[in-house]
Amino acid sequence: SYLHLPSIHNRVGGDFLDAGADDAISSNTSNTSVFQ
């Protein structure tokens, strides 16, 4: 049941969630999850 714990590193489609905020952007120029 621990397997459902949140992870942090490059979790959202290969990116940090912070790349969906204003602290970073994804270096991947495709339509990534954090870009959305």
Full PDB file with SEQRES, HELIX, SHEET, SSBOND, CRYST1, ORIGX, SCALE, CONECT and MASTER records, all heavy atoms in Angstrom:
SEQRES   1 A   36  SER TYR LEU HIS LEU PRO SER ILE HIS ASN ARG VAL GLY          
SEQRES   2 A   36  GLY ASP PHE LEU ASP ALA GLY ALA ASP ASP ALA ILE SER          
SEQRES   3 A   36  SER ASN THR SER ASN THR SER VAL PHE GLN                      
HELIX    1 AA1 TYR A    2  HIS A    4  5                                   3    
HELIX    2 AA2 LEU A   17  GLY A   20  5                                   4    
CRYST1    1.000    1.000    1.000  90.00  90.00  90.00 P 1           1          
ORIGX1      1.000000  0.000000  0.000000        0.00000                         
ORIGX2      0.000000  1.000000  0.000000        0.00000                         
ORIGX3      0.000000  0.000000  1.000000        0.00000                         
SCALE1      1.000000  0.000000  0.000000        0.00000                         
SCALE2      0.000000  1.000000  0.000000        0.00000                         
SCALE3      0.000000  0.000000  1.000000        0.00000                         
ATOM      1  N   SER A   1       0.818  -1.210   0.000  1.00  0.00           N  
ATOM      2  CA  SER A   1       0.000   0.000   0.000  1.00  0.00           C  
ATOM      3  C   SER A   1       0.852   1.260   0.000  1.00  0.00           C  
ATOM      4  O   SER A   1       0.340   2.354  -0.246  1.00  0.00           O  
ATOM      5  CB  SER A   1      -0.961   0.003   1.198  1.00  0.00           C  
ATOM      6  OG  SER A   1      -0.257  -0.044   2.420  1.00  0.00           O  
ATOM      7  N   TYR A   2       2.161   1.130   0.252  1.00  0.00           N  
ATOM      8  CA  TYR A   2       3.078   2.266   0.157  1.00  0.00           C  
ATOM      9  C   TYR A   2       3.337   2.654  -1.297  1.00  0.00           C  
ATOM     10  O   TYR A   2       3.829   3.755  -1.571  1.00  0.00           O  
ATOM     11  CB  TYR A   2       4.428   1.929   0.803  1.00  0.00           C  
ATOM     12  CG  TYR A   2       4.477   2.027   2.308  1.00  0.00           C  
ATOM     13  CD1 TYR A   2       3.796   1.129   3.118  1.00  0.00           C  
ATOM     14  CD2 TYR A   2       5.248   3.003   2.929  1.00  0.00           C  
ATOM     15  CE1 TYR A   2       3.854   1.198   4.497  1.00  0.00           C  
ATOM     16  CE2 TYR A   2       5.325   3.085   4.310  1.00  0.00           C  
ATOM     17  CZ  TYR A   2       4.625   2.180   5.091  1.00  0.00           C  
ATOM     18  OH  TYR A   2       4.690   2.258   6.464  1.00  0.00           O  
ATOM     19  N   LEU A   3       3.044   1.765  -2.225  1.00  0.00           N  
ATOM     20  CA  LEU A   3       3.374   2.016  -3.624  1.00  0.00           C  
ATOM     21  C   LEU A   3       2.589   3.181  -4.221  1.00  0.00           C  
ATOM     22  O   LEU A   3       2.936   3.675  -5.294  1.00  0.00           O  
ATOM     23  CB  LEU A   3       3.120   0.754  -4.454  1.00  0.00           C  
ATOM     24  CG  LEU A   3       3.987  -0.455  -4.119  1.00  0.00           C  
ATOM     25  CD1 LEU A   3       3.588  -1.644  -4.971  1.00  0.00           C  
ATOM     26  CD2 LEU A   3       5.455  -0.134  -4.293  1.00  0.00           C  
ATOM     27  N   HIS A   4       1.552   3.624  -3.532  1.00  0.00           N  
ATOM     28  CA  HIS A   4       0.738   4.721  -4.045  1.00  0.00           C  
ATOM     29  C   HIS A   4       1.186   6.068  -3.488  1.00  0.00           C  
ATOM     30  O   HIS A   4       0.568   7.098  -3.795  1.00  0.00           O  
ATOM     31  CB  HIS A   4      -0.729   4.470  -3.712  1.00  0.00           C  
ATOM     32  CG  HIS A   4      -1.224   3.156  -4.238  1.00  0.00           C  
ATOM     33  ND1 HIS A   4      -1.574   2.968  -5.563  1.00  0.00           N  
ATOM     34  CD2 HIS A   4      -1.364   1.947  -3.635  1.00  0.00           C  
ATOM     35  CE1 HIS A   4      -1.931   1.713  -5.737  1.00  0.00           C  
ATOM     36  NE2 HIS A   4      -1.809   1.072  -4.598  1.00  0.00           N  
ATOM     37  N   LEU A   5       2.251   6.077  -2.687  1.00  0.00           N  
ATOM     38  CA  LEU A   5       2.769   7.331  -2.167  1.00  0.00           C  
ATOM     39  C   LEU A   5       3.192   8.254  -3.311  1.00  0.00           C  
ATOM     40  O   LEU A   5       3.656   7.791  -4.353  1.00  0.00           O  
ATOM     41  CB  LEU A   5       3.970   7.076  -1.262  1.00  0.00           C  
ATOM     42  CG  LEU A   5       3.677   6.561   0.144  1.00  0.00           C  
ATOM     43  CD1 LEU A   5       4.965   6.145   0.836  1.00  0.00           C  
ATOM     44  CD2 LEU A   5       2.951   7.624   0.968  1.00  0.00           C  
ATOM     45  N   PRO A   6       3.058   9.555  -3.120  1.00  0.00           N  
ATOM     46  CA  PRO A   6       3.498  10.482  -4.164  1.00  0.00           C  
ATOM     47  C   PRO A   6       4.993  10.371  -4.407  1.00  0.00           C  
ATOM     48  O   PRO A   6       5.773  10.100  -3.495  1.00  0.00           O  
ATOM     49  CB  PRO A   6       3.151  11.858  -3.577  1.00  0.00           C  
ATOM     50  CG  PRO A   6       2.157  11.589  -2.497  1.00  0.00           C  
ATOM     51  CD  PRO A   6       2.479  10.235  -1.959  1.00  0.00           C  
ATOM     52  N   SER A   7       5.387  10.559  -5.636  1.00  0.00           N  
ATOM     53  CA  SER A   7       6.793  10.720  -5.988  1.00  0.00           C  
ATOM     54  C   SER A   7       6.978  12.174  -6.410  1.00  0.00           C  
ATOM     55  O   SER A   7       6.018  12.923  -6.546  1.00  0.00           O  
ATOM     56  CB  SER A   7       7.198   9.754  -7.106  1.00  0.00           C  
ATOM     57  OG  SER A   7       6.381   9.944  -8.238  1.00  0.00           O  
ATOM     58  N   ILE A   8       8.210  12.587  -6.593  1.00  0.00           N  
ATOM     59  CA  ILE A   8       8.484  13.997  -6.902  1.00  0.00           C  
ATOM     60  C   ILE A   8       9.316  14.147  -8.166  1.00  0.00           C  
ATOM     61  O   ILE A   8       9.012  14.957  -9.040  1.00  0.00           O  
ATOM     62  CB  ILE A   8       9.211  14.680  -5.719  1.00  0.00           C  
ATOM     63  CG1 ILE A   8       8.294  14.767  -4.494  1.00  0.00           C  
ATOM     64  CG2 ILE A   8       9.672  16.084  -6.104  1.00  0.00           C  
ATOM     65  CD1 ILE A   8       8.974  15.282  -3.252  1.00  0.00           C  
ATOM     66  N   HIS A   9      10.356  13.330  -8.302  1.00  0.00           N  
ATOM     67  CA  HIS A   9      11.337  13.556  -9.362  1.00  0.00           C  
ATOM     68  C   HIS A   9      10.786  13.208 -10.740  1.00  0.00           C  
ATOM     69  O   HIS A   9      10.431  12.061 -11.000  1.00  0.00           O  
ATOM     70  CB  HIS A   9      12.599  12.726  -9.091  1.00  0.00           C  
ATOM     71  CG  HIS A   9      13.117  12.880  -7.702  1.00  0.00           C  
ATOM     72  ND1 HIS A   9      13.639  11.834  -6.973  1.00  0.00           N  
ATOM     73  CD2 HIS A   9      13.190  13.962  -6.880  1.00  0.00           C  
ATOM     74  CE1 HIS A   9      14.014  12.254  -5.786  1.00  0.00           C  
ATOM     75  NE2 HIS A   9      13.750  13.544  -5.704  1.00  0.00           N  
ATOM     76  N   ASN A  10      10.690  14.203 -11.604  1.00  0.00           N  
ATOM     77  CA  ASN A  10      10.278  13.982 -12.999  1.00  0.00           C  
ATOM     78  C   ASN A  10       9.034  13.113 -13.086  1.00  0.00           C  
ATOM     79  O   ASN A  10       8.942  12.187 -13.884  1.00  0.00           O  
ATOM     80  CB  ASN A  10      11.425  13.343 -13.785  1.00  0.00           C  
ATOM     81  CG  ASN A  10      12.665  14.226 -13.806  1.00  0.00           C  
ATOM     82  OD1 ASN A  10      13.547  14.100 -12.957  1.00  0.00           O  
ATOM     83  ND2 ASN A  10      12.742  15.131 -14.764  1.00  0.00           N  
ATOM     84  N   ARG A  11       8.052  13.455 -12.253  1.00  0.00           N  
ATOM     85  CA  ARG A  11       6.874  12.608 -12.091  1.00  0.00           C  
ATOM     86  C   ARG A  11       5.817  12.824 -13.159  1.00  0.00           C  
ATOM     87  O   ARG A  11       5.140  11.883 -13.589  1.00  0.00           O  
ATOM     88  CB  ARG A  11       6.261  12.875 -10.708  1.00  0.00           C  
ATOM     89  CG  ARG A  11       4.989  12.069 -10.426  1.00  0.00           C  
ATOM     90  CD  ARG A  11       4.422  12.402  -9.057  1.00  0.00           C  
ATOM     91  NE  ARG A  11       3.945  13.769  -8.956  1.00  0.00           N  
ATOM     92  CZ  ARG A  11       2.770  14.194  -9.410  1.00  0.00           C  
ATOM     93  NH1 ARG A  11       1.945  13.348 -10.024  1.00  0.00           N  
ATOM     94  NH2 ARG A  11       2.400  15.453  -9.269  1.00  0.00           N  
ATOM     95  N   VAL A  12       5.626  14.053 -13.616  1.00  0.00           N  
ATOM     96  CA  VAL A  12       4.493  14.367 -14.488  1.00  0.00           C  
ATOM     97  C   VAL A  12       4.944  14.318 -15.947  1.00  0.00           C  
ATOM     98  O   VAL A  12       5.506  15.270 -16.479  1.00  0.00           O  
ATOM     99  CB  VAL A  12       3.904  15.751 -14.150  1.00  0.00           C  
ATOM    100  CG1 VAL A  12       2.650  16.009 -14.970  1.00  0.00           C  
ATOM    101  CG2 VAL A  12       3.599  15.847 -12.661  1.00  0.00           C  
ATOM    102  N   GLY A  13       4.734  13.185 -16.575  1.00  0.00           N  
ATOM    103  CA  GLY A  13       5.123  13.031 -17.972  1.00  0.00           C  
ATOM    104  C   GLY A  13       6.603  13.206 -18.215  1.00  0.00           C  
ATOM    105  O   GLY A  13       7.025  13.619 -19.294  1.00  0.00           O  
ATOM    106  N   GLY A  14       7.423  12.899 -17.199  1.00  0.00           N  
ATOM    107  CA  GLY A  14       8.863  13.029 -17.323  1.00  0.00           C  
ATOM    108  C   GLY A  14       9.414  14.342 -16.797  1.00  0.00           C  
ATOM    109  O   GLY A  14      10.627  14.564 -16.838  1.00  0.00           O  
ATOM    110  N   ASP A  15       8.539  15.212 -16.291  1.00  0.00           N  
ATOM    111  CA  ASP A  15       8.965  16.524 -15.797  1.00  0.00           C  
ATOM    112  C   ASP A  15       8.632  16.683 -14.319  1.00  0.00           C  
ATOM    113  O   ASP A  15       7.747  16.015 -13.775  1.00  0.00           O  
ATOM    114  CB  ASP A  15       8.259  17.638 -16.578  1.00  0.00           C  
ATOM    115  CG  ASP A  15       8.705  17.707 -18.024  1.00  0.00           C  
ATOM    116  OD1 ASP A  15       9.875  18.012 -18.258  1.00  0.00           O  
ATOM    117  OD2 ASP A  15       7.875  17.441 -18.917  1.00  0.00           O  
ATOM    118  N   PHE A  16       9.318  17.632 -13.674  1.00  0.00           N  
ATOM    119  CA  PHE A  16       8.927  18.066 -12.345  1.00  0.00           C  
ATOM    120  C   PHE A  16       7.609  18.829 -12.443  1.00  0.00           C  
ATOM    121  O   PHE A  16       7.361  19.557 -13.413  1.00  0.00           O  
ATOM    122  CB  PHE A  16       9.988  19.001 -11.739  1.00  0.00           C  
ATOM    123  CG  PHE A  16      11.235  18.309 -11.283  1.00  0.00           C  
ATOM    124  CD1 PHE A  16      12.415  18.431 -12.005  1.00  0.00           C  
ATOM    125  CD2 PHE A  16      11.248  17.549 -10.123  1.00  0.00           C  
ATOM    126  CE1 PHE A  16      13.577  17.810 -11.588  1.00  0.00           C  
ATOM    127  CE2 PHE A  16      12.403  16.924  -9.694  1.00  0.00           C  
ATOM    128  CZ  PHE A  16      13.579  17.050 -10.424  1.00  0.00           C  
ATOM    129  N   LEU A  17       6.761  18.694 -11.426  1.00  0.00           N  
ATOM    130  CA  LEU A  17       5.510  19.446 -11.409  1.00  0.00           C  
ATOM    131  C   LEU A  17       5.773  20.944 -11.435  1.00  0.00           C  
ATOM    132  O   LEU A  17       4.958  21.712 -11.956  1.00  0.00           O  
ATOM    133  CB  LEU A  17       4.696  19.081 -10.162  1.00  0.00           C  
ATOM    134  CG  LEU A  17       3.351  19.784 -10.007  1.00  0.00           C  
ATOM    135  CD1 LEU A  17       2.416  19.448 -11.166  1.00  0.00           C  
ATOM    136  CD2 LEU A  17       2.702  19.435  -8.679  1.00  0.00           C  
ATOM    137  N   ASP A  18       6.922  21.378 -10.922  1.00  0.00           N  
ATOM    138  CA  ASP A  18       7.256  22.802 -10.921  1.00  0.00           C  
ATOM    139  C   ASP A  18       7.332  23.371 -12.337  1.00  0.00           C  
ATOM    140  O   ASP A  18       7.227  24.589 -12.528  1.00  0.00           O  
ATOM    141  CB  ASP A  18       8.586  23.043 -10.208  1.00  0.00           C  
ATOM    142  CG  ASP A  18       8.452  22.928  -8.699  1.00  0.00           C  
ATOM    143  OD1 ASP A  18       7.829  21.953  -8.246  1.00  0.00           O  
ATOM    144  OD2 ASP A  18       8.974  23.794  -7.976  1.00  0.00           O  
ATOM    145  N   ALA A  19       7.527  22.508 -13.332  1.00  0.00           N  
ATOM    146  CA  ALA A  19       7.517  22.971 -14.718  1.00  0.00           C  
ATOM    147  C   ALA A  19       6.100  23.255 -15.196  1.00  0.00           C  
ATOM    148  O   ALA A  19       5.905  23.785 -16.294  1.00  0.00           O  
ATOM    149  CB  ALA A  19       8.178  21.940 -15.633  1.00  0.00           C  
ATOM    150  N   GLY A  20       5.096  22.918 -14.377  1.00  0.00           N  
ATOM    151  CA  GLY A  20       3.723  23.314 -14.642  1.00  0.00           C  
ATOM    152  C   GLY A  20       3.350  24.569 -13.878  1.00  0.00           C  
ATOM    153  O   GLY A  20       2.233  25.064 -13.991  1.00  0.00           O  
ATOM    154  N   ALA A  21       4.302  25.061 -13.060  1.00  0.00           N  
ATOM    155  CA  ALA A  21       4.141  26.330 -12.361  1.00  0.00           C  
ATOM    156  C   ALA A  21       5.058  27.351 -13.039  1.00  0.00           C  
ATOM    157  O   ALA A  21       5.324  27.260 -14.222  1.00  0.00           O  
ATOM    158  CB  ALA A  21       4.461  26.145 -10.877  1.00  0.00           C  
ATOM    159  N   ASP A  22       5.578  28.314 -12.264  1.00  0.00           N  
ATOM    160  CA  ASP A  22       6.418  29.348 -12.867  1.00  0.00           C  
ATOM    161  C   ASP A  22       7.885  29.215 -12.491  1.00  0.00           C  
ATOM    162  O   ASP A  22       8.669  30.128 -12.741  1.00  0.00           O  
ATOM    163  CB  ASP A  22       5.912  30.745 -12.493  1.00  0.00           C  
ATOM    164  CG  ASP A  22       5.806  30.964 -10.988  1.00  0.00           C  
ATOM    165  OD1 ASP A  22       5.974  29.982 -10.228  1.00  0.00           O  
ATOM    166  OD2 ASP A  22       5.550  32.107 -10.572  1.00  0.00           O  
ATOM    167  N   ASP A  23       8.264  28.081 -11.917  1.00  0.00           N  
ATOM    168  CA  ASP A  23       9.659  27.877 -11.512  1.00  0.00           C  
ATOM    169  C   ASP A  23      10.495  27.215 -12.599  1.00  0.00           C  
ATOM    170  O   ASP A  23      11.722  27.200 -12.511  1.00  0.00           O  
ATOM    171  CB  ASP A  23       9.732  27.033 -10.238  1.00  0.00           C  
ATOM    172  CG  ASP A  23       9.444  27.852  -8.992  1.00  0.00           C  
ATOM    173  OD1 ASP A  23       9.306  29.081  -9.117  1.00  0.00           O  
ATOM    174  OD2 ASP A  23       9.343  27.268  -7.891  1.00  0.00           O  
ATOM    175  N   ALA A  24       9.864  26.626 -13.593  1.00  0.00           N  
ATOM    176  CA  ALA A  24      10.601  25.935 -14.651  1.00  0.00           C  
ATOM    177  C   ALA A  24       9.680  25.730 -15.841  1.00  0.00           C  
ATOM    178  O   ALA A  24       8.465  25.915 -15.752  1.00  0.00           O  
ATOM    179  CB  ALA A  24      11.134  24.589 -14.145  1.00  0.00           C  
ATOM    180  N   ILE A  25      10.278  25.336 -16.951  1.00  0.00           N  
ATOM    181  CA  ILE A  25       9.525  24.826 -18.089  1.00  0.00           C  
ATOM    182  C   ILE A  25      10.206  23.545 -18.537  1.00  0.00           C  
ATOM    183  O   ILE A  25      11.377  23.307 -18.226  1.00  0.00           O  
ATOM    184  CB  ILE A  25       9.451  25.827 -19.261  1.00  0.00           C  
ATOM    185  CG1 ILE A  25      10.848  26.109 -19.825  1.00  0.00           C  
ATOM    186  CG2 ILE A  25       8.747  27.107 -18.833  1.00  0.00           C  
ATOM    187  CD1 ILE A  25      10.829  26.966 -21.080  1.00  0.00           C  
ATOM    188  N   SER A  26       9.479  22.720 -19.253  1.00  0.00           N  
ATOM    189  CA  SER A  26      10.076  21.506 -19.778  1.00  0.00           C  
ATOM    190  C   SER A  26      10.983  21.845 -20.954  1.00  0.00           C  
ATOM    191  O   SER A  26      10.646  22.675 -21.804  1.00  0.00           O  
ATOM    192  CB  SER A  26       8.988  20.531 -20.233  1.00  0.00           C  
ATOM    193  OG  SER A  26       9.563  19.386 -20.841  1.00  0.00           O  
ATOM    194  N   SER A  27      12.134  21.197 -20.997  1.00  0.00           N  
ATOM    195  CA  SER A  27      13.021  21.366 -22.149  1.00  0.00           C  
ATOM    196  C   SER A  27      12.480  20.657 -23.381  1.00  0.00           C  
ATOM    197  O   SER A  27      12.909  20.933 -24.502  1.00  0.00           O  
ATOM    198  CB  SER A  27      14.418  20.840 -21.817  1.00  0.00           C  
ATOM    199  OG  SER A  27      14.968  21.504 -20.704  1.00  0.00           O  
ATOM    200  N   ASN A  28      11.557  19.735 -23.151  1.00  0.00           N  
ATOM    201  CA  ASN A  28      10.907  19.037 -24.258  1.00  0.00           C  
ATOM    202  C   ASN A  28       9.913  19.990 -24.913  1.00  0.00           C  
ATOM    203  O   ASN A  28       9.007  20.503 -24.257  1.00  0.00           O  
ATOM    204  CB  ASN A  28      10.189  17.793 -23.719  1.00  0.00           C  
ATOM    205  CG  ASN A  28       9.652  16.895 -24.808  1.00  0.00           C  
ATOM    206  OD1 ASN A  28       9.323  17.351 -25.894  1.00  0.00           O  
ATOM    207  ND2 ASN A  28       9.544  15.612 -24.526  1.00  0.00           N  
ATOM    208  N   THR A  29      10.059  20.220 -26.183  1.00  0.00           N  
ATOM    209  CA  THR A  29       9.228  21.208 -26.868  1.00  0.00           C  
ATOM    210  C   THR A  29       7.913  20.645 -27.390  1.00  0.00           C  
ATOM    211  O   THR A  29       7.126  21.371 -27.994  1.00  0.00           O  
ATOM    212  CB  THR A  29      10.005  21.820 -28.052  1.00  0.00           C  
ATOM    213  OG1 THR A  29      10.432  20.767 -28.929  1.00  0.00           O  
ATOM    214  CG2 THR A  29      11.211  22.600 -27.562  1.00  0.00           C  
ATOM    215  N   SER A  30       7.657  19.352 -27.151  1.00  0.00           N  
ATOM    216  CA  SER A  30       6.383  18.772 -27.581  1.00  0.00           C  
ATOM    217  C   SER A  30       5.294  19.145 -26.578  1.00  0.00           C  
ATOM    218  O   SER A  30       5.540  19.790 -25.557  1.00  0.00           O  
ATOM    219  CB  SER A  30       6.505  17.255 -27.705  1.00  0.00           C  
ATOM    220  OG  SER A  30       6.819  16.674 -26.451  1.00  0.00           O  
ATOM    221  N   ASN A  31       4.082  18.708 -26.848  1.00  0.00           N  
ATOM    222  CA  ASN A  31       2.936  19.049 -26.000  1.00  0.00           C  
ATOM    223  C   ASN A  31       2.931  18.157 -24.759  1.00  0.00           C  
ATOM    224  O   ASN A  31       2.146  17.225 -24.635  1.00  0.00           O  
ATOM    225  CB  ASN A  31       1.637  18.875 -26.790  1.00  0.00           C  
ATOM    226  CG  ASN A  31       0.429  19.383 -26.027  1.00  0.00           C  
ATOM    227  OD1 ASN A  31       0.541  20.258 -25.173  1.00  0.00           O  
ATOM    228  ND2 ASN A  31      -0.727  18.828 -26.337  1.00  0.00           N  
ATOM    229  N   THR A  32       3.819  18.447 -23.819  1.00  0.00           N  
ATOM    230  CA  THR A  32       3.985  17.612 -22.635  1.00  0.00           C  
ATOM    231  C   THR A  32       2.874  17.864 -21.629  1.00  0.00           C  
ATOM    232  O   THR A  32       2.127  18.843 -21.713  1.00  0.00           O  
ATOM    233  CB  THR A  32       5.334  17.904 -21.970  1.00  0.00           C  
ATOM    234  OG1 THR A  32       5.348  19.276 -21.553  1.00  0.00           O  
ATOM    235  CG2 THR A  32       6.486  17.659 -22.930  1.00  0.00           C  
ATOM    236  N   SER A  33       2.806  16.975 -20.628  1.00  0.00           N  
ATOM    237  CA  SER A  33       1.785  17.107 -19.586  1.00  0.00           C  
ATOM    238  C   SER A  33       1.930  18.419 -18.831  1.00  0.00           C  
ATOM    239  O   SER A  33       0.939  19.121 -18.572  1.00  0.00           O  
ATOM    240  CB  SER A  33       1.885  15.927 -18.619  1.00  0.00           C  
ATOM    241  OG  SER A  33       1.620  14.704 -19.266  1.00  0.00           O  
ATOM    242  N   VAL A  34       3.164  18.775 -18.447  1.00  0.00           N  
ATOM    243  CA  VAL A  34       3.336  20.011 -17.683  1.00  0.00           C  
ATOM    244  C   VAL A  34       3.104  21.245 -18.565  1.00  0.00           C  
ATOM    245  O   VAL A  34       2.695  22.297 -18.060  1.00  0.00           O  
ATOM    246  CB  VAL A  34       4.722  20.086 -17.007  1.00  0.00           C  
ATOM    247  CG1 VAL A  34       4.849  19.060 -15.908  1.00  0.00           C  
ATOM    248  CG2 VAL A  34       5.836  19.950 -18.001  1.00  0.00           C  
ATOM    249  N   PHE A  35       3.359  21.133 -19.854  1.00  0.00           N  
ATOM    250  CA  PHE A  35       3.025  22.240 -20.758  1.00  0.00           C  
ATOM    251  C   PHE A  35       1.517  22.484 -20.741  1.00  0.00           C  
ATOM    252  O   PHE A  35       1.051  23.632 -20.713  1.00  0.00           O  
ATOM    253  CB  PHE A  35       3.499  21.928 -22.173  1.00  0.00           C  
ATOM    254  CG  PHE A  35       3.122  22.972 -23.189  1.00  0.00           C  
ATOM    255  CD1 PHE A  35       3.890  24.120 -23.328  1.00  0.00           C  
ATOM    256  CD2 PHE A  35       2.000  22.823 -23.985  1.00  0.00           C  
ATOM    257  CE1 PHE A  35       3.535  25.113 -24.250  1.00  0.00           C  
ATOM    258  CE2 PHE A  35       1.641  23.797 -24.910  1.00  0.00           C  
ATOM    259  CZ  PHE A  35       2.416  24.938 -25.043  1.00  0.00           C  
ATOM    260  N   GLN A  36       0.745  21.410 -20.726  1.00  0.00           N  
ATOM    261  CA  GLN A  36      -0.707  21.539 -20.656  1.00  0.00           C  
ATOM    262  C   GLN A  36      -1.140  22.164 -19.338  1.00  0.00           C  
ATOM    263  O   GLN A  36      -2.054  22.997 -19.295  1.00  0.00           O  
ATOM    264  CB  GLN A  36      -1.359  20.172 -20.843  1.00  0.00           C  
ATOM    265  CG  GLN A  36      -1.142  19.566 -22.221  1.00  0.00           C  
ATOM    266  CD  GLN A  36      -1.558  18.105 -22.287  1.00  0.00           C  
ATOM    267  OE1 GLN A  36      -2.392  17.662 -21.501  1.00  0.00           O  
ATOM    268  NE2 GLN A  36      -0.988  17.367 -23.212  1.00  0.00           N  
TER     269      GLN A  36                                                      
MASTER        0    0    0    2    0    0    0    6  268    1    0    3          
END                                                                             
